[in-house]
Amino acid sequence: MSECTHCTQIMGSSKAPHEHLVKLREHHTHPVYRCSKCGSELVLLFDCWEPCFQGWLPAATG
């Protein structure tokens, strides 16, 4: 799945969640969000936004 421009702009940064991110859950104290615009799942790891990879951090959809 391709990330929207909102998601690509915050990845690798410590910016605040953009308006399309919806919080799904906490995973080991790290907040996990899904973008309502593009469907990407992002996690805030130690003040840095990263994508959720299958097997690395469980995606909410799988």
N, C-alpha and C. Protein backbone atom coordinates (compact mmCIF):
# COMPACT_ATOMS: atom_id res chain seq x y z
N MET A 1 0.84 -1.18 0.00
CA MET A 1 0.00 0.00 0.00
C MET A 1 0.89 1.25 0.00
N SER A 2 0.51 2.23 -0.76
CA SER A 2 1.27 3.48 -0.83
C SER A 2 0.81 4.45 0.23
N GLU A 3 1.77 5.10 0.87
CA GLU A 3 1.44 6.10 1.86
C GLU A 3 1.03 7.40 1.18
N CYS A 4 0.11 8.11 1.80
CA CYS A 4 -0.28 9.43 1.30
C CYS A 4 0.80 10.44 1.68
N THR A 5 0.70 11.63 1.15
CA THR A 5 1.71 12.65 1.43
C THR A 5 1.73 13.03 2.91
N HIS A 6 0.58 12.95 3.58
CA HIS A 6 0.54 13.26 5.02
C HIS A 6 1.41 12.27 5.80
N CYS A 7 1.31 10.98 5.46
CA CYS A 7 2.10 9.95 6.15
C CYS A 7 3.58 10.05 5.81
N THR A 8 3.90 10.27 4.55
CA THR A 8 5.32 10.35 4.18
C THR A 8 5.99 11.57 4.82
N GLN A 9 5.23 12.63 5.07
CA GLN A 9 5.81 13.83 5.68
C GLN A 9 6.16 13.63 7.15
N ILE A 10 5.45 12.75 7.87
CA ILE A 10 5.77 12.58 9.29
C ILE A 10 6.70 11.39 9.54
N MET A 11 6.82 10.46 8.59
CA MET A 11 7.70 9.30 8.80
C MET A 11 9.14 9.74 9.03
N GLY A 12 9.76 9.13 10.03
CA GLY A 12 11.13 9.47 10.37
C GLY A 12 11.27 10.74 11.18
N SER A 13 10.15 11.32 11.58
CA SER A 13 10.19 12.56 12.35
C SER A 13 9.47 12.37 13.68
N SER A 14 9.46 13.41 14.48
CA SER A 14 8.73 13.39 15.75
C SER A 14 7.53 14.33 15.71
N LYS A 15 7.05 14.62 14.50
CA LYS A 15 5.90 15.53 14.34
C LYS A 15 4.65 14.95 14.99
N ALA A 16 3.70 15.81 15.27
CA ALA A 16 2.42 15.38 15.83
C ALA A 16 1.66 14.56 14.78
N PRO A 17 0.77 13.65 15.22
CA PRO A 17 -0.02 12.88 14.26
C PRO A 17 -0.84 13.82 13.37
N HIS A 18 -0.92 13.49 12.08
CA HIS A 18 -1.72 14.34 11.19
C HIS A 18 -3.21 14.03 11.36
N GLU A 19 -4.05 14.86 10.75
CA GLU A 19 -5.50 14.81 10.98
C GLU A 19 -6.16 13.52 10.52
N HIS A 20 -5.51 12.72 9.66
CA HIS A 20 -6.11 11.48 9.17
C HIS A 20 -5.71 10.26 9.98
N LEU A 21 -4.80 10.41 10.96
CA LEU A 21 -4.37 9.27 11.77
C LEU A 21 -5.35 9.01 12.90
N VAL A 22 -5.76 7.75 13.02
CA VAL A 22 -6.68 7.32 14.06
C VAL A 22 -5.93 6.32 14.94
N LYS A 23 -5.91 6.56 16.24
CA LYS A 23 -5.19 5.67 17.14
C LYS A 23 -5.91 4.34 17.25
N LEU A 24 -5.16 3.24 17.04
CA LEU A 24 -5.72 1.90 17.12
C LEU A 24 -5.50 1.26 18.49
N ARG A 25 -4.28 1.35 18.99
CA ARG A 25 -3.93 0.66 20.23
C ARG A 25 -2.53 1.09 20.67
N GLU A 26 -2.09 0.54 21.80
CA GLU A 26 -0.72 0.69 22.29
C GLU A 26 -0.05 -0.67 22.13
N HIS A 27 1.18 -0.70 21.65
CA HIS A 27 1.95 -1.94 21.54
C HIS A 27 3.24 -1.73 22.32
N HIS A 28 3.34 -2.36 23.49
CA HIS A 28 4.49 -2.18 24.38
C HIS A 28 4.74 -0.69 24.64
N THR A 29 3.71 0.02 24.98
CA THR A 29 3.69 1.46 25.29
C THR A 29 3.89 2.37 24.08
N HIS A 30 3.97 1.83 22.87
CA HIS A 30 4.12 2.64 21.66
C HIS A 30 2.76 2.76 20.98
N PRO A 31 2.28 3.99 20.72
CA PRO A 31 0.99 4.16 20.06
C PRO A 31 1.04 3.77 18.58
N VAL A 32 0.01 3.02 18.17
CA VAL A 32 -0.12 2.56 16.79
C VAL A 32 -1.33 3.25 16.18
N TYR A 33 -1.15 3.83 15.00
CA TYR A 33 -2.20 4.58 14.31
C TYR A 33 -2.42 4.02 12.90
N ARG A 34 -3.64 4.22 12.39
CA ARG A 34 -3.95 3.90 10.99
C ARG A 34 -4.44 5.18 10.33
N CYS A 35 -3.96 5.40 9.11
CA CYS A 35 -4.39 6.57 8.35
C CYS A 35 -5.73 6.26 7.68
N SER A 36 -6.72 7.11 7.92
CA SER A 36 -8.03 6.92 7.31
C SER A 36 -8.04 7.29 5.84
N LYS A 37 -6.99 7.94 5.38
CA LYS A 37 -6.90 8.36 3.98
C LYS A 37 -6.27 7.27 3.10
N CYS A 38 -5.12 6.71 3.55
CA CYS A 38 -4.41 5.74 2.70
C CYS A 38 -4.35 4.33 3.29
N GLY A 39 -4.74 4.18 4.57
CA GLY A 39 -4.74 2.86 5.20
C GLY A 39 -3.42 2.43 5.80
N SER A 40 -2.39 3.25 5.71
CA SER A 40 -1.08 2.90 6.28
C SER A 40 -1.18 2.84 7.80
N GLU A 41 -0.41 1.91 8.39
CA GLU A 41 -0.33 1.83 9.84
C GLU A 41 1.05 2.31 10.27
N LEU A 42 1.06 3.26 11.20
CA LEU A 42 2.31 3.86 11.68
C LEU A 42 2.38 3.71 13.19
N VAL A 43 3.60 3.58 13.69
CA VAL A 43 3.83 3.49 15.12
C VAL A 43 4.81 4.58 15.52
N LEU A 44 4.58 5.17 16.68
CA LEU A 44 5.48 6.19 17.21
C LEU A 44 6.47 5.49 18.14
N LEU A 45 7.66 5.21 17.62
CA LEU A 45 8.71 4.52 18.38
C LEU A 45 9.72 5.52 18.89
N PHE A 46 9.74 5.72 20.20
CA PHE A 46 10.73 6.60 20.81
C PHE A 46 10.83 7.94 20.08
N ASP A 47 9.70 8.61 19.90
CA ASP A 47 9.64 9.94 19.27
C ASP A 47 9.96 9.94 17.78
N CYS A 48 9.76 8.83 17.10
CA CYS A 48 10.01 8.76 15.65
C CYS A 48 8.93 7.88 15.01
N TRP A 49 8.25 8.43 14.00
CA TRP A 49 7.20 7.68 13.29
C TRP A 49 7.82 6.66 12.35
N GLU A 50 7.34 5.41 12.44
CA GLU A 50 7.81 4.32 11.59
C GLU A 50 6.61 3.54 11.08
N PRO A 51 6.72 2.92 9.89
CA PRO A 51 5.63 2.07 9.40
C PRO A 51 5.59 0.76 10.17
N CYS A 52 4.42 0.15 10.29
CA CYS A 52 4.29 -1.17 10.91
C CYS A 52 4.62 -2.22 9.85
N PHE A 53 5.63 -3.03 10.11
CA PHE A 53 6.01 -4.10 9.19
C PHE A 53 5.52 -5.43 9.73
N GLN A 54 5.01 -6.29 8.85
CA GLN A 54 4.53 -7.60 9.26
C GLN A 54 5.68 -8.40 9.89
N GLY A 55 5.44 -8.95 11.06
CA GLY A 55 6.46 -9.71 11.75
C GLY A 55 7.32 -8.87 12.69
N TRP A 56 7.47 -7.60 12.39
CA TRP A 56 8.26 -6.72 13.25
C TRP A 56 7.36 -6.10 14.31
N LEU A 57 6.26 -5.53 13.88
CA LEU A 57 5.25 -5.01 14.79
C LEU A 57 3.91 -5.47 14.22
N PRO A 58 3.15 -6.20 15.00
CA PRO A 58 1.90 -6.76 14.46
C PRO A 58 0.97 -5.68 13.91
N ALA A 59 0.60 -5.83 12.67
CA ALA A 59 -0.37 -4.91 12.07
C ALA A 59 -1.75 -5.25 12.64
N ALA A 60 -2.58 -4.26 12.80
CA ALA A 60 -3.91 -4.47 13.37
C ALA A 60 -4.78 -5.30 12.43
N THR A 61 -4.47 -5.26 11.14
CA THR A 61 -5.29 -5.97 10.16
C THR A 61 -4.87 -7.42 9.99
N GLY A 62 -3.74 -7.83 10.51
CA GLY A 62 -3.29 -9.19 10.26
C GLY A 62 -2.75 -9.82 11.45
